């Protein structure tokens, strides 16, 4: 259990820092929590051979949610038309035909 929060049960270990970021209410701490969550997700994704499709999809969704959280909570004055969303779709990347 995280010392700062009563983090709900997580299916994947990287979800604990993700949930800590999602539940963070202190804007002073949010940036660090987002960084920790991204690091945990990217660390797991670097072991992609060990991820099933469900976890890959969950990781992509979490990265998108972190990008949105960061944009809305840390950069609320940025024009929404100029925002970019990080999108990581491992399932499509795995299924692309290879160049012959």
Protein backbone atom coordinates (compact mmCIF):
# COMPACT_ATOMS: atom_id res chain seq x y z
CA UNK A 1 0.00 0.00 0.00
CA UNK A 2 1.17 3.50 -0.85
CA UNK A 3 1.92 5.62 2.22
CA UNK A 4 0.17 8.69 0.80
CA UNK A 5 -3.05 7.01 -0.31
CA UNK A 6 -5.22 4.04 0.21
CA UNK A 7 -4.68 2.93 -3.39
CA UNK A 8 -7.31 0.46 -4.62
CA UNK A 9 -6.24 -2.99 -5.74
CA UNK A 10 -4.52 -2.98 -9.10
CA UNK A 11 -4.44 -5.75 -11.67
CA UNK A 12 -0.94 -4.79 -12.85
CA UNK A 13 1.86 -3.50 -10.62
CA UNK A 14 2.44 -0.37 -12.78
CA UNK A 15 -1.16 0.64 -12.09
CA UNK A 16 -0.35 1.54 -8.48
CA UNK A 17 1.73 4.64 -9.39
CA UNK A 18 -0.78 5.41 -12.16
CA UNK A 19 -3.65 5.39 -9.66
CA UNK A 20 -1.58 7.49 -7.24
CA UNK A 21 -1.22 10.12 -9.98
CA UNK A 22 -4.89 9.92 -10.95
CA UNK A 23 -5.94 10.41 -7.31
CA UNK A 24 -3.45 13.19 -6.52
CA UNK A 25 -5.21 16.40 -5.51
CA UNK A 26 -2.13 18.51 -4.72
CA UNK A 27 -0.96 20.21 -7.92
CA UNK A 28 2.50 20.63 -6.37
CA UNK A 29 2.89 16.83 -6.22
CA UNK A 30 1.04 15.91 -9.40
CA UNK A 31 3.92 16.38 -11.84
CA UNK A 32 6.13 14.01 -9.87
CA UNK A 33 3.36 11.42 -9.58
CA UNK A 34 2.75 11.57 -13.34
CA UNK A 35 6.47 11.10 -13.99
CA UNK A 36 6.60 8.11 -11.63
CA UNK A 37 3.59 6.54 -13.32
CA UNK A 38 5.00 7.03 -16.81
CA UNK A 39 8.33 5.56 -15.72
CA UNK A 40 6.60 2.48 -14.29
CA UNK A 41 4.54 2.00 -17.46
CA UNK A 42 7.48 2.49 -19.81
CA UNK A 43 9.58 0.11 -17.73
CA UNK A 44 6.92 -2.57 -18.12
CA UNK A 45 6.46 -1.82 -21.83
CA UNK A 46 10.18 -2.32 -22.37
CA UNK A 47 9.45 -5.94 -21.48
CA UNK A 48 6.77 -6.09 -24.22
CA UNK A 49 7.33 -9.80 -24.83
CA UNK A 50 5.87 -10.40 -21.35
CA UNK A 51 2.71 -8.33 -21.87
CA UNK A 52 -0.53 -9.80 -23.11
CA UNK A 53 -2.88 -7.77 -25.32
CA UNK A 54 -5.04 -6.79 -22.36
CA UNK A 55 -2.12 -5.28 -20.44
CA UNK A 56 -0.80 -3.54 -23.56
CA UNK A 57 -4.19 -1.93 -24.08
CA UNK A 58 -4.44 -0.94 -20.42
CA UNK A 59 -0.96 0.63 -20.56
CA UNK A 60 -1.85 2.62 -23.69
CA UNK A 61 -5.06 3.83 -22.04
CA UNK A 62 -3.13 4.83 -18.90
CA UNK A 63 -0.57 6.82 -20.88
CA UNK A 64 -3.37 8.63 -22.70
CA UNK A 65 -5.09 9.37 -19.39
CA UNK A 66 -1.84 10.68 -17.89
CA UNK A 67 -1.36 13.00 -20.87
CA UNK A 68 -4.91 14.32 -20.44
CA UNK A 69 -4.47 14.70 -16.68
CA UNK A 70 -1.25 16.61 -17.21
CA UNK A 71 -2.80 18.89 -19.81
CA UNK A 72 -5.95 19.63 -17.84
CA UNK A 73 -4.47 19.98 -14.35
CA UNK A 74 -0.96 21.30 -14.97
CA UNK A 75 -1.48 23.31 -18.17
CA UNK A 76 -5.12 24.43 -18.08
CA UNK A 77 -4.40 27.68 -19.96
CA UNK A 78 -3.14 25.93 -23.10
CA UNK A 79 -5.62 26.19 -25.96
CA UNK A 80 -7.24 22.78 -26.38
CA UNK A 81 -6.83 22.93 -30.17
CA UNK A 82 -3.05 22.99 -29.72
CA UNK A 83 -2.87 20.11 -27.26
CA UNK A 84 -1.47 16.80 -28.37
CA UNK A 85 -2.43 13.51 -26.86
CA UNK A 86 0.12 10.81 -26.39
CA UNK A 87 -1.24 7.70 -28.00
CA UNK A 88 0.48 4.40 -27.71
CA UNK A 89 -1.26 1.52 -29.45
CA UNK A 90 0.89 -1.55 -29.14
CA UNK A 91 -1.76 -3.87 -30.53
CA UNK A 92 -1.86 -2.09 -33.90
CA UNK A 93 1.93 -1.83 -34.03
CA UNK A 94 2.25 -5.57 -33.46
CA UNK A 95 -0.28 -6.37 -36.19
CA UNK A 96 1.16 -4.16 -38.93
CA UNK A 97 2.42 -6.20 -41.88
CA UNK A 98 6.18 -6.14 -42.17
CA UNK A 99 7.81 -4.47 -45.17
CA UNK A 100 8.89 -7.03 -47.69
